[in-house]
PDB file of N, CA and C in Angstrom:
ATOM      1  N   MET A   1     -18.821 -60.073  -0.627  1.00  0.00           N
ATOM      2  CA  MET A   1     -19.437 -58.941  -1.179  1.00  0.00           C
ATOM      3  C   MET A   1     -19.481 -57.972  -0.069  1.00  0.00           C
ATOM      4  N   ASP A   2     -19.544 -58.485   1.135  1.00  0.00           N
ATOM      5  CA  ASP A   2     -19.660 -57.610   2.325  1.00  0.00           C
ATOM      6  C   ASP A   2     -18.343 -56.899   2.393  1.00  0.00           C
ATOM      7  N   VAL A   3     -17.067 -57.394   2.208  1.00  0.00           N
ATOM      8  CA  VAL A   3     -15.899 -56.621   2.121  1.00  0.00           C
ATOM      9  C   VAL A   3     -15.807 -55.540   1.139  1.00  0.00           C
ATOM     10  N   LEU A   4     -16.267 -55.902  -0.208  1.00  0.00           N
ATOM     11  CA  LEU A   4     -16.225 -54.836  -1.257  1.00  0.00           C
ATOM     12  C   LEU A   4     -17.222 -53.825  -0.752  1.00  0.00           C
ATOM     13  N   GLU A   5     -18.306 -54.087  -0.255  1.00  0.00           N
ATOM     14  CA  GLU A   5     -19.281 -53.235   0.067  1.00  0.00           C
ATOM     15  C   GLU A   5     -18.862 -52.194   1.106  1.00  0.00           C
ATOM     16  N   ALA A   6     -18.086 -52.674   2.164  1.00  0.00           N
ATOM     17  CA  ALA A   6     -17.481 -51.843   3.250  1.00  0.00           C
ATOM     18  C   ALA A   6     -16.435 -50.938   2.723  1.00  0.00           C
ATOM     19  N   ILE A   7     -15.689 -51.519   1.725  1.00  0.00           N
ATOM     20  CA  ILE A   7     -14.618 -50.751   1.118  1.00  0.00           C
ATOM     21  C   ILE A   7     -15.143 -49.563   0.345  1.00  0.00           C
ATOM     22  N   GLY A   8     -16.409 -49.823  -0.432  1.00  0.00           N
ATOM     23  CA  GLY A   8     -16.895 -48.836  -1.224  1.00  0.00           C
ATOM     24  C   GLY A   8     -17.595 -47.820  -0.257  1.00  0.00           C
ATOM     25  N   VAL A   9     -18.338 -48.075   0.675  1.00  0.00           N
ATOM     26  CA  VAL A   9     -18.885 -47.150   1.609  1.00  0.00           C
ATOM     27  C   VAL A   9     -17.843 -46.411   2.317  1.00  0.00           C
ATOM     28  N   THR A  10     -16.661 -46.922   2.719  1.00  0.00           N
ATOM     29  CA  THR A  10     -15.627 -46.295   3.383  1.00  0.00           C
ATOM     30  C   THR A  10     -15.028 -45.174   2.364  1.00  0.00           C
ATOM     31  N   LEU A  11     -14.922 -45.554   1.244  1.00  0.00           N
ATOM     32  CA  LEU A  11     -14.179 -44.678   0.117  1.00  0.00           C
ATOM     33  C   LEU A  11     -15.219 -43.564   0.035  1.00  0.00           C
ATOM     34  N   ILE A  12     -16.548 -43.772  -0.102  1.00  0.00           N
ATOM     35  CA  ILE A  12     -17.486 -42.801  -0.432  1.00  0.00           C
ATOM     36  C   ILE A  12     -17.632 -41.850   0.732  1.00  0.00           C
ATOM     37  N   GLY A  13     -17.397 -42.339   2.003  1.00  0.00           N
ATOM     38  CA  GLY A  13     -17.459 -41.567   3.166  1.00  0.00           C
ATOM     39  C   GLY A  13     -16.174 -40.670   3.283  1.00  0.00           C
ATOM     40  N   LEU A  14     -14.908 -41.031   2.771  1.00  0.00           N
ATOM     41  CA  LEU A  14     -13.931 -40.465   2.735  1.00  0.00           C
ATOM     42  C   LEU A  14     -13.903 -39.305   1.689  1.00  0.00           C
ATOM     43  N   VAL A  15     -14.582 -39.558   0.675  1.00  0.00           N
ATOM     44  CA  VAL A  15     -14.667 -38.640  -0.439  1.00  0.00           C
ATOM     45  C   VAL A  15     -15.639 -37.525   0.116  1.00  0.00           C
ATOM     46  N   VAL A  16     -16.685 -37.819   0.649  1.00  0.00           N
ATOM     47  CA  VAL A  16     -17.740 -36.821   1.248  1.00  0.00           C
ATOM     48  C   VAL A  16     -16.996 -35.968   2.214  1.00  0.00           C
ATOM     49  N   ARG A  17     -16.393 -36.808   3.080  1.00  0.00           N
ATOM     50  CA  ARG A  17     -15.747 -36.027   4.340  1.00  0.00           C
ATOM     51  C   ARG A  17     -14.613 -35.096   4.005  1.00  0.00           C
ATOM     52  N   PHE A  18     -13.723 -35.463   3.121  1.00  0.00           N
ATOM     53  CA  PHE A  18     -12.504 -34.725   2.707  1.00  0.00           C
ATOM     54  C   PHE A  18     -12.528 -34.211   1.390  1.00  0.00           C
ATOM     55  N   GLY A  19     -12.933 -34.927   0.397  1.00  0.00           N
ATOM     56  CA  GLY A  19     -12.891 -34.543  -1.009  1.00  0.00           C
ATOM     57  C   GLY A  19     -13.693 -33.276  -1.346  1.00  0.00           C
ATOM     58  N   ILE A  20     -15.038 -33.231  -0.899  1.00  0.00           N
ATOM     59  CA  ILE A  20     -15.826 -32.165  -1.151  1.00  0.00           C
ATOM     60  C   ILE A  20     -15.355 -30.859  -0.637  1.00  0.00           C
ATOM     61  N   PRO A  21     -14.993 -30.857   0.711  1.00  0.00           N
ATOM     62  CA  PRO A  21     -14.458 -29.570   1.381  1.00  0.00           C
ATOM     63  C   PRO A  21     -13.278 -29.190   0.590  1.00  0.00           C
ATOM     64  N   ILE A  22     -12.233 -30.188   0.330  1.00  0.00           N
ATOM     65  CA  ILE A  22     -11.069 -29.669  -0.551  1.00  0.00           C
ATOM     66  C   ILE A  22     -11.362 -29.033  -1.743  1.00  0.00           C
ATOM     67  N   VAL A  23     -12.313 -29.559  -2.553  1.00  0.00           N
ATOM     68  CA  VAL A  23     -12.679 -29.114  -3.817  1.00  0.00           C
ATOM     69  C   VAL A  23     -13.337 -27.706  -3.840  1.00  0.00           C
ATOM     70  N   LEU A  24     -14.377 -27.542  -2.752  1.00  0.00           N
ATOM     71  CA  LEU A  24     -14.915 -26.295  -2.565  1.00  0.00           C
ATOM     72  C   LEU A  24     -13.890 -25.250  -2.059  1.00  0.00           C
ATOM     73  N   THR A  25     -12.897 -25.524  -1.309  1.00  0.00           N
ATOM     74  CA  THR A  25     -11.750 -24.600  -0.806  1.00  0.00           C
ATOM     75  C   THR A  25     -11.095 -24.153  -2.010  1.00  0.00           C
ATOM     76  N   ILE A  26     -10.705 -25.092  -2.856  1.00  0.00           N
ATOM     77  CA  ILE A  26      -9.889 -24.823  -4.059  1.00  0.00           C
ATOM     78  C   ILE A  26     -10.609 -23.891  -5.007  1.00  0.00           C
ATOM     79  N   LEU A  27     -12.068 -24.228  -5.078  1.00  0.00           N
ATOM     80  CA  LEU A  27     -12.793 -23.337  -6.010  1.00  0.00           C
ATOM     81  C   LEU A  27     -12.921 -21.853  -5.523  1.00  0.00           C
ATOM     82  N   ILE A  28     -13.108 -21.767  -4.086  1.00  0.00           N
ATOM     83  CA  ILE A  28     -13.288 -20.589  -3.470  1.00  0.00           C
ATOM     84  C   ILE A  28     -11.928 -19.728  -3.640  1.00  0.00           C
ATOM     85  N   VAL A  29     -10.757 -20.380  -3.452  1.00  0.00           N
ATOM     86  CA  VAL A  29      -9.503 -19.617  -3.569  1.00  0.00           C
ATOM     87  C   VAL A  29      -9.289 -19.142  -4.975  1.00  0.00           C
ATOM     88  N   MET A  30      -9.605 -19.996  -5.937  1.00  0.00           N
ATOM     89  CA  MET A  30      -9.482 -19.431  -7.309  1.00  0.00           C
ATOM     90  C   MET A  30     -10.352 -18.470  -7.658  1.00  0.00           C
ATOM     91  N   TRP A  31     -11.536 -18.465  -7.214  1.00  0.00           N
ATOM     92  CA  TRP A  31     -12.399 -17.198  -7.421  1.00  0.00           C
ATOM     93  C   TRP A  31     -12.051 -15.888  -6.591  1.00  0.00           C
ATOM     94  N   LEU A  32     -11.526 -16.113  -5.366  1.00  0.00           N
ATOM     95  CA  LEU A  32     -11.002 -14.945  -4.738  1.00  0.00           C
ATOM     96  C   LEU A  32      -9.780 -14.423  -5.485  1.00  0.00           C
ATOM     97  N   ARG A  33      -8.858 -15.160  -6.028  1.00  0.00           N
ATOM     98  CA  ARG A  33      -7.857 -14.683  -6.802  1.00  0.00           C
ATOM     99  C   ARG A  33      -8.104 -13.923  -8.018  1.00  0.00           C
ATOM    100  N   ARG A  34      -9.128 -14.543  -8.704  1.00  0.00           N
ATOM    101  CA  ARG A  34      -9.441 -13.690  -9.873  1.00  0.00           C
ATOM    102  C   ARG A  34     -10.200 -12.425  -9.552  1.00  0.00           C
ATOM    103  N   LEU A  35     -10.955 -12.578  -8.462  1.00  0.00           N
ATOM    104  CA  LEU A  35     -11.616 -11.201  -8.074  1.00  0.00           C
ATOM    105  C   LEU A  35     -10.615 -10.272  -7.675  1.00  0.00           C
ATOM    106  N   ASP A  36      -9.511 -10.657  -6.879  1.00  0.00           N
ATOM    107  CA  ASP A  36      -8.319  -9.691  -6.381  1.00  0.00           C
ATOM    108  C   ASP A  36      -7.819  -9.260  -7.759  1.00  0.00           C
ATOM    109  N   ALA A  37      -7.560 -10.020  -8.756  1.00  0.00           N
ATOM    110  CA  ALA A  37      -6.887  -9.624  -9.982  1.00  0.00           C
ATOM    111  C   ALA A  37      -7.703  -8.505 -10.743  1.00  0.00           C
ATOM    112  N   ARG A  38      -8.809  -8.762 -10.757  1.00  0.00           N
ATOM    113  CA  ARG A  38      -9.658  -7.889 -11.395  1.00  0.00           C
ATOM    114  C   ARG A  38      -9.812  -6.470 -10.583  1.00  0.00           C
ATOM    115  N   TRP A  39      -9.876  -6.574  -9.272  1.00  0.00           N
ATOM    116  CA  TRP A  39      -9.876  -5.352  -8.532  1.00  0.00           C
ATOM    117  C   TRP A  39      -8.564  -4.546  -8.628  1.00  0.00           C
ATOM    118  N   GLN A  40      -7.390  -5.236  -8.704  1.00  0.00           N
ATOM    119  CA  GLN A  40      -6.075  -4.664  -8.844  1.00  0.00           C
ATOM    120  C   GLN A  40      -6.055  -3.932 -10.391  1.00  0.00           C
ATOM    121  N   LEU A  41      -6.593  -4.565 -11.371  1.00  0.00           N
ATOM    122  CA  LEU A  41      -6.667  -4.041 -12.593  1.00  0.00           C
ATOM    123  C   LEU A  41      -7.460  -2.735 -12.681  1.00  0.00           C
ATOM    124  N   GLU A  42      -8.548  -2.864 -12.053  1.00  0.00           N
ATOM    125  CA  GLU A  42      -9.440  -1.514 -11.972  1.00  0.00           C
ATOM    126  C   GLU A  42      -8.706  -0.524 -11.203  1.00  0.00           C
ATOM    127  N   ALA A  43      -8.026  -0.807 -10.325  1.00  0.00           N
ATOM    128  CA  ALA A  43      -7.360   0.233  -9.276  1.00  0.00           C
ATOM    129  C   ALA A  43      -6.390   0.867 -10.248  1.00  0.00           C
ATOM    130  N   ASN A  44      -5.529   0.088 -10.899  1.00  0.00           N
ATOM    131  CA  ASN A  44      -4.345   0.498 -11.757  1.00  0.00           C
ATOM    132  C   ASN A  44      -5.092   1.347 -12.881  1.00  0.00           C
ATOM    133  N   GLN A  45      -6.174   1.186 -13.374  1.00  0.00           N
ATOM    134  CA  GLN A  45      -6.687   1.863 -14.516  1.00  0.00           C
ATOM    135  C   GLN A  45      -7.330   3.162 -14.176  1.00  0.00           C
ATOM    136  N   THR A  46      -7.914   3.225 -12.861  1.00  0.00           N
ATOM    137  CA  THR A  46      -8.556   4.424 -12.382  1.00  0.00           C
ATOM    138  C   THR A  46      -7.602   5.377 -11.853  1.00  0.00           C
ATOM    139  N   ARG A  47      -6.401   4.936 -11.381  1.00  0.00           N
ATOM    140  CA  ARG A  47      -5.293   5.829 -10.769  1.00  0.00           C
ATOM    141  C   ARG A  47      -4.417   6.356 -11.795  1.00  0.00           C
ATOM    142  N   PRO A  48      -4.275   7.522 -11.877  1.00  0.00           N
ATOM    143  CA  PRO A  48      -3.237   8.132 -12.863  1.00  0.00           C
ATOM    144  C   PRO A  48      -1.836   7.628 -12.515  1.00  0.00           C
ATOM    145  N   ARG A  49      -1.031   7.309 -13.520  1.00  0.00           N
ATOM    146  CA  ARG A  49       0.448   7.207 -13.132  1.00  0.00           C
ATOM    147  C   ARG A  49       1.266   8.225 -12.560  1.00  0.00           C
ATOM    148  N   ALA A  50       0.942   9.445 -12.916  1.00  0.00           N
ATOM    149  CA  ALA A  50       1.741  10.534 -12.478  1.00  0.00           C
ATOM    150  C   ALA A  50       1.108  11.310 -11.463  1.00  0.00           C
ATOM    151  N   ALA A  51       0.348  10.653 -10.569  1.00  0.00           N
ATOM    152  CA  ALA A  51      -0.416  11.258  -9.375  1.00  0.00           C
ATOM    153  C   ALA A  51       0.557  11.972  -8.550  1.00  0.00           C
ATOM    154  N   VAL A  52       1.655  11.317  -8.269  1.00  0.00           N
ATOM    155  CA  VAL A  52       2.515  12.001  -7.211  1.00  0.00           C
ATOM    156  C   VAL A  52       3.222  13.094  -7.785  1.00  0.00           C
ATOM    157  N   ALA A  53       3.655  13.106  -9.064  1.00  0.00           N
ATOM    158  CA  ALA A  53       4.346  14.248  -9.695  1.00  0.00           C
ATOM    159  C   ALA A  53       3.312  15.382  -9.943  1.00  0.00           C
ATOM    160  N   ALA A  54       2.152  15.059 -10.117  1.00  0.00           N
ATOM    161  CA  ALA A  54       1.141  16.136 -10.486  1.00  0.00           C
ATOM    162  C   ALA A  54       0.714  16.973  -9.186  1.00  0.00           C
ATOM    163  N   LEU A  55       0.980  16.564  -8.187  1.00  0.00           N
ATOM    164  CA  LEU A  55       0.544  17.189  -6.942  1.00  0.00           C
ATOM    165  C   LEU A  55       1.433  18.502  -6.827  1.00  0.00           C
ATOM    166  N   PRO A  56       0.665  19.523  -6.441  1.00  0.00           N
ATOM    167  CA  PRO A  56       1.495  20.717  -5.917  1.00  0.00           C
ATOM    168  C   PRO A  56       2.431  20.589  -4.845  1.00  0.00           C
ATOM    169  N   GLN A  57       3.752  20.831  -5.132  1.00  0.00           N
ATOM    170  CA  GLN A  57       4.710  20.792  -3.948  1.00  0.00           C
ATOM    171  C   GLN A  57       4.738  21.952  -3.163  1.00  0.00           C
ATOM    172  N   VAL A  58       4.568  21.765  -1.735  1.00  0.00           N
ATOM    173  CA  VAL A  58       4.669  23.029  -0.864  1.00  0.00           C
ATOM    174  C   VAL A  58       6.169  23.008  -0.498  1.00  0.00           C
ATOM    175  N   ARG A  59       6.645  24.231  -0.596  1.00  0.00           N
ATOM    176  CA  ARG A  59       8.026  24.493  -0.303  1.00  0.00           C
ATOM    177  C   ARG A  59       7.964  25.071   1.109  1.00  0.00           C
ATOM    178  N   CYS A  60       8.688  24.343   2.038  1.00  0.00           N
ATOM    179  CA  CYS A  60       8.523  24.946   3.487  1.00  0.00           C
ATOM    180  C   CYS A  60       9.185  26.225   3.559  1.00  0.00           C
ATOM    181  N   TRP A  61      10.340  26.565   2.892  1.00  0.00           N
ATOM    182  CA  TRP A  61      11.121  27.884   2.968  1.00  0.00           C
ATOM    183  C   TRP A  61      10.117  28.899   2.392  1.00  0.00           C
ATOM    184  N   GLU A  62       9.417  28.756   1.659  1.00  0.00           N
ATOM    185  CA  GLU A  62       8.392  29.783   0.851  1.00  0.00           C
ATOM    186  C   GLU A  62       7.140  29.918   1.999  1.00  0.00           C
ATOM    187  N   GLN A  63       6.768  29.101   2.555  1.00  0.00           N
ATOM    188  CA  GLN A  63       5.611  29.323   3.507  1.00  0.00           C
ATOM    189  C   GLN A  63       6.052  29.791   4.840  1.00  0.00           C
ATOM    190  N   ARG A  64       7.349  29.425   5.275  1.00  0.00           N
ATOM    191  CA  ARG A  64       7.766  29.922   6.494  1.00  0.00           C
ATOM    192  C   ARG A  64       8.466  31.182   6.188  1.00  0.00           C
ATOM    193  N   GLY A  65       8.750  31.612   5.137  1.00  0.00           N
ATOM    194  CA  GLY A  65       9.600  32.882   4.830  1.00  0.00           C
ATOM    195  C   GLY A  65      10.914  32.892   5.275  1.00  0.00           C
ATOM    196  N   CYS A  66      11.659  31.798   5.105  1.00  0.00           N
ATOM    197  CA  CYS A  66      13.004  31.935   5.620  1.00  0.00           C
ATOM    198  C   CYS A  66      13.918  32.676   4.690  1.00  0.00           C
ATOM    199  N   PRO A  67      14.768  33.577   5.355  1.00  0.00           N
ATOM    200  CA  PRO A  67      15.686  34.323   4.604  1.00  0.00           C
ATOM    201  C   PRO A  67      16.775  33.559   3.731  1.00  0.00           C
ATOM    202  N   PRO A  68      17.260  34.071   2.814  1.00  0.00           N
ATOM    203  CA  PRO A  68      18.308  33.470   1.901  1.00  0.00           C
ATOM    204  C   PRO A  68      19.431  32.754   2.642  1.00  0.00           C
ATOM    205  N   GLU A  69      20.056  33.479   3.606  1.00  0.00           N
ATOM    206  CA  GLU A  69      21.154  32.962   4.504  1.00  0.00           C
ATOM    207  C   GLU A  69      20.889  31.686   5.159  1.00  0.00           C
ATOM    208  N   ARG A  70      19.592  31.555   5.586  1.00  0.00           N
ATOM    209  CA  ARG A  70      19.159  30.318   6.438  1.00  0.00           C
ATOM    210  C   ARG A  70      18.867  29.395   5.325  1.00  0.00           C
ATOM    211  N   ARG A  71      18.311  29.754   4.183  1.00  0.00           N
ATOM    212  CA  ARG A  71      18.155  28.635   3.080  1.00  0.00           C
ATOM    213  C   ARG A  71      19.343  27.929   2.686  1.00  0.00           C
ATOM    214  N   ALA A  72      20.495  28.679   2.760  1.00  0.00           N
ATOM    215  CA  ALA A  72      21.754  28.232   2.104  1.00  0.00           C
ATOM    216  C   ALA A  72      22.256  26.965   3.045  1.00  0.00           C
ATOM    217  N   SER A  73      21.936  27.015   4.376  1.00  0.00           N
ATOM    218  CA  SER A  73      22.419  25.922   5.105  1.00  0.00           C
ATOM    219  C   SER A  73      21.283  24.918   5.288  1.00  0.00           C
ATOM    220  N   CYS A  74      20.117  25.042   4.721  1.00  0.00           N
ATOM    221  CA  CYS A  74      19.007  24.141   4.798  1.00  0.00           C
ATOM    222  C   CYS A  74      19.128  22.751   4.005  1.00  0.00           C
ATOM    223  N   ARG A  75      19.040  21.636   4.600  1.00  0.00           N
ATOM    224  CA  ARG A  75      19.023  20.487   3.816  1.00  0.00           C
ATOM    225  C   ARG A  75      17.765  20.274   2.972  1.00  0.00           C
ATOM    226  N   ALA A  76      16.682  20.768   3.319  1.00  0.00           N
ATOM    227  CA  ALA A  76      15.439  20.753   2.619  1.00  0.00           C
ATOM    228  C   ALA A  76      15.591  21.547   1.380  1.00  0.00           C
ATOM    229  N   TYR A  77      16.258  22.796   1.402  1.00  0.00           N
ATOM    230  CA  TYR A  77      16.278  23.703   0.461  1.00  0.00           C
ATOM    231  C   TYR A  77      17.264  23.090  -0.633  1.00  0.00           C
ATOM    232  N   ALA A  78      18.258  22.248  -0.274  1.00  0.00           N
ATOM    233  CA  ALA A  78      19.211  21.656  -1.177  1.00  0.00           C
ATOM    234  C   ALA A  78      18.474  20.434  -1.905  1.00  0.00           C
ATOM    235  N   ARG A  79      17.514  19.885  -1.310  1.00  0.00           N
ATOM    236  CA  ARG A  79      16.693  18.717  -2.028  1.00  0.00           C
ATOM    237  C   ARG A  79      15.349  19.304  -2.317  1.00  0.00           C
ATOM    238  N   PRO A  80      15.171  20.141  -3.365  1.00  0.00           N
ATOM    239  CA  PRO A  80      13.683  20.519  -3.569  1.00  0.00           C
ATOM    240  C   PRO A  80      12.825  19.496  -4.144  1.00  0.00           C
ATOM    241  N   ASP A  81      13.448  18.457  -4.722  1.00  0.00           N
ATOM    242  CA  ASP A  81      12.721  17.324  -5.254  1.00  0.00           C
ATOM    243  C   ASP A  81      11.897  16.442  -4.202  1.00  0.00           C
ATOM    244  N   MET A  82      12.174  16.719  -2.930  1.00  0.00           N
ATOM    245  CA  MET A  82      11.697  15.807  -1.898  1.00  0.00           C
ATOM    246  C   MET A  82      11.040  16.772  -0.892  1.00  0.00           C
ATOM    247  N   PRO A  83       9.843  16.445  -0.302  1.00  0.00           N
ATOM    248  CA  PRO A  83       9.162  17.130   0.900  1.00  0.00           C
ATOM    249  C   PRO A  83      10.144  17.318   1.987  1.00  0.00           C
ATOM    250  N   CYS A  84      10.068  18.387   2.614  1.00  0.00           N
ATOM    251  CA  CYS A  84      10.995  18.742   3.776  1.00  0.00           C
ATOM    252  C   CYS A  84      11.005  17.639   4.827  1.00  0.00           C
ATOM    253  N   TRP A  85       9.850  17.177   5.180  1.00  0.00           N
ATOM    254  CA  TRP A  85       9.704  16.228   6.412  1.00  0.00           C
ATOM    255  C   TRP A  85      10.444  14.792   5.888  1.00  0.00           C
ATOM    256  N   GLN A  86      10.615  14.596   4.545  1.00  0.00           N
ATOM    257  CA  GLN A  86      11.304  13.384   4.181  1.00  0.00           C
ATOM    258  C   GLN A  86      12.687  13.512   4.225  1.00  0.00           C
ATOM    259  N   VAL A  87      13.250  14.835   4.058  1.00  0.00           N
ATOM    260  CA  VAL A  87      14.628  15.153   4.185  1.00  0.00           C
ATOM    261  C   VAL A  87      15.174  15.057   5.699  1.00  0.00           C
ATOM    262  N   PHE A  88      14.265  15.519   6.454  1.00  0.00           N
ATOM    263  CA  PHE A  88      14.463  15.511   7.792  1.00  0.00           C
ATOM    264  C   PHE A  88      14.205  14.184   8.644  1.00  0.00           C
ATOM    265  N   ARG A  89      13.663  13.200   7.975  1.00  0.00           N
ATOM    266  CA  ARG A  89      13.341  11.990   8.513  1.00  0.00           C
ATOM    267  C   ARG A  89      14.701  11.355   9.125  1.00  0.00           C
ATOM    268  N   GLY A  90      14.508  10.690  10.343  1.00  0.00           N
ATOM    269  CA  GLY A  90      15.582  10.177  11.076  1.00  0.00           C
ATOM    270  C   GLY A  90      16.133   8.931  10.376  1.00  0.00           C
ATOM    271  N   ALA A  91      17.266   8.314  10.837  1.00  0.00           N
ATOM    272  CA  ALA A  91      17.800   7.235  10.388  1.00  0.00           C
ATOM    273  C   ALA A  91      16.804   5.866  10.625  1.00  0.00           C
ATOM    274  N   ASP A  92      16.071   5.968  11.641  1.00  0.00           N
ATOM    275  CA  ASP A  92      15.194   4.944  12.064  1.00  0.00           C
ATOM    276  C   ASP A  92      13.775   4.984  11.208  1.00  0.00           C
ATOM    277  N   GLY A  93      13.619   6.067  10.449  1.00  0.00           N
ATOM    278  CA  GLY A  93      12.536   6.217   9.634  1.00  0.00           C
ATOM    279  C   GLY A  93      11.356   7.062  10.308  1.00  0.00           C
ATOM    280  N   ARG A  94      11.562   7.637  11.522  1.00  0.00           N
ATOM    281  CA  ARG A  94      10.546   8.341  12.280  1.00  0.00           C
ATOM    282  C   ARG A  94      10.794   9.909  11.809  1.00  0.00           C
ATOM    283  N   LEU A  95       9.717  10.576  11.930  1.00  0.00           N
ATOM    284  CA  LEU A  95       9.549  12.001  11.661  1.00  0.00           C
ATOM    285  C   LEU A  95       9.971  12.736  12.759  1.00  0.00           C
ATOM    286  N   GLN A  96      10.522  13.938  12.642  1.00  0.00           N
ATOM    287  CA  GLN A  96      10.840  14.657  13.908  1.00  0.00           C
ATOM    288  C   GLN A  96       9.667  15.267  14.356  1.00  0.00           C
ATOM    289  N   GLU A  97       9.631  15.552  15.669  1.00  0.00           N
ATOM    290  CA  GLU A  97       8.480  16.183  16.288  1.00  0.00           C
ATOM    291  C   GLU A  97       8.160  17.460  15.838  1.00  0.00           C
ATOM    292  N   ALA A  98       8.962  18.263  15.353  1.00  0.00           N
ATOM    293  CA  ALA A  98       8.704  19.519  14.824  1.00  0.00           C
ATOM    294  C   ALA A  98       7.997  19.296  13.512  1.00  0.00           C
ATOM    295  N   CYS A  99       8.356  18.330  12.803  1.00  0.00           N
ATOM    296  CA  CYS A  99       7.667  18.144  11.444  1.00  0.00           C
ATOM    297  C   CYS A  99       6.169  17.698  11.510  1.00  0.00           C
ATOM    298  N   LEU A 100       5.831  17.063  12.633  1.00  0.00           N
ATOM    299  CA  LEU A 100       4.511  16.639  12.930  1.00  0.00           C
ATOM    300  C   LEU A 100       3.545  17.854  13.355  1.00  0.00           C
ATOM    301  N   ASP A 101       4.148  18.820  13.866  1.00  0.00           N
ATOM    302  CA  ASP A 101       3.352  20.107  14.351  1.00  0.00           C
ATOM    303  C   ASP A 101       3.365  21.249  13.293  1.00  0.00           C
ATOM    304  N   CYS A 102       4.230  21.011  12.108  1.00  0.00           N
ATOM    305  CA  CYS A 102       4.361  22.003  11.128  1.00  0.00           C
ATOM    306  C   CYS A 102       3.281  22.149  10.219  1.00  0.00           C
ATOM    307  N   ASP A 103       2.847  23.273   9.922  1.00  0.00           N
ATOM    308  CA  ASP A 103       1.702  23.627   8.865  1.00  0.00           C
ATOM    309  C   ASP A 103       2.077  23.076   7.562  1.00  0.00           C
ATOM    310  N   VAL A 104       3.317  22.940   7.109  1.00  0.00           N
ATOM    311  CA  VAL A 104       3.555  22.532   5.816  1.00  0.00           C
ATOM    312  C   VAL A 104       3.293  21.107   5.672  1.00  0.00           C
ATOM    313  N   PHE A 105       3.730  20.399   6.763  1.00  0.00           N
ATOM    314  CA  PHE A 105       3.395  18.907   6.789  1.00  0.00           C
ATOM    315  C   PHE A 105       1.828  18.649   6.914  1.00  0.00           C
ATOM    316  N   ARG A 106       1.296  19.265   7.761  1.00  0.00           N
ATOM    317  CA  ARG A 106      -0.188  19.094   7.899  1.00  0.00           C
ATOM    318  C   ARG A 106      -0.998  19.526   6.685  1.00  0.00           C
ATOM    319  N   LYS A 107      -0.615  20.607   5.935  1.00  0.00           N
ATOM    320  CA  LYS A 107      -1.399  20.909   4.765  1.00  0.00           C
ATOM    321  C   LYS A 107      -1.055  20.379   3.503  1.00  0.00           C
ATOM    322  N   ALA A 108       0.003  19.463   3.436  1.00  0.00           N
ATOM    323  CA  ALA A 108       0.450  18.752   2.278  1.00  0.00           C
ATOM    324  C   ALA A 108      -0.510  17.820   1.830  1.00  0.00           C
ATOM    325  N   PRO A 109      -0.763  17.648   0.496  1.00  0.00           N
ATOM    326  CA  PRO A 109      -1.749  16.656  -0.022  1.00  0.00           C
ATOM    327  C   PRO A 109      -1.013  15.207   0.369  1.00  0.00           C
ATOM    328  N   VAL A 110      -2.039  14.275   0.417  1.00  0.00           N
ATOM    329  CA  VAL A 110      -1.623  12.846   0.710  1.00  0.00           C
ATOM    330  C   VAL A 110      -1.239  12.305  -0.721  1.00  0.00           C
ATOM    331  N   PRO A 111      -0.143  11.692  -0.934  1.00  0.00           N
ATOM    332  CA  PRO A 111       0.206  11.301  -2.241  1.00  0.00           C
ATOM    333  C   PRO A 111      -0.524   9.953  -2.622  1.00  0.00           C
ATOM    334  N   ALA A 112      -0.873   9.899  -3.857  1.00  0.00           N
ATOM    335  CA  ALA A 112      -1.596   8.698  -4.422  1.00  0.00           C
ATOM    336  C   ALA A 112      -0.424   7.833  -5.100  1.00  0.00           C
ATOM    337  N   TYR A 113      -0.349   6.636  -4.520  1.00  0.00           N
ATOM    338  CA  TYR A 113       0.870   5.835  -5.084  1.00  0.00           C
ATOM    339  C   TYR A 113       0.390   5.109  -6.368  1.00  0.00           C
ATOM    340  N   ALA A 114       1.184   5.086  -7.329  1.00  0.00           N
ATOM    341  CA  ALA A 114       1.016   4.397  -8.548  1.00  0.00           C
ATOM    342  C   ALA A 114       1.401   2.936  -8.620  1.00  0.00           C
TER     343      ALA A 114
END
């Protein structure tokens, strides 16, 4: 009987020591995933899908008053669907220093991603 009792006490100790924390961790992870899914759903429902397209686009050549002959050679003028600072972005993804100080870039609205 002493051997069975020792085995039972050991098993109960293992369950208390390892089982309860593991079960609690699993329950907390499941709850956090459900909470995150609910927050994602709420965020997608409150954010309009066409938020980026609905923003008024600022044209740098209009604000800076570029003459037509300069517009003809401008890469930003050739791509009116993109903001000018995106057109002039470097191959490494960095913006040009001139774009960071430009009023067109500074006054442009921050896009809301859908």
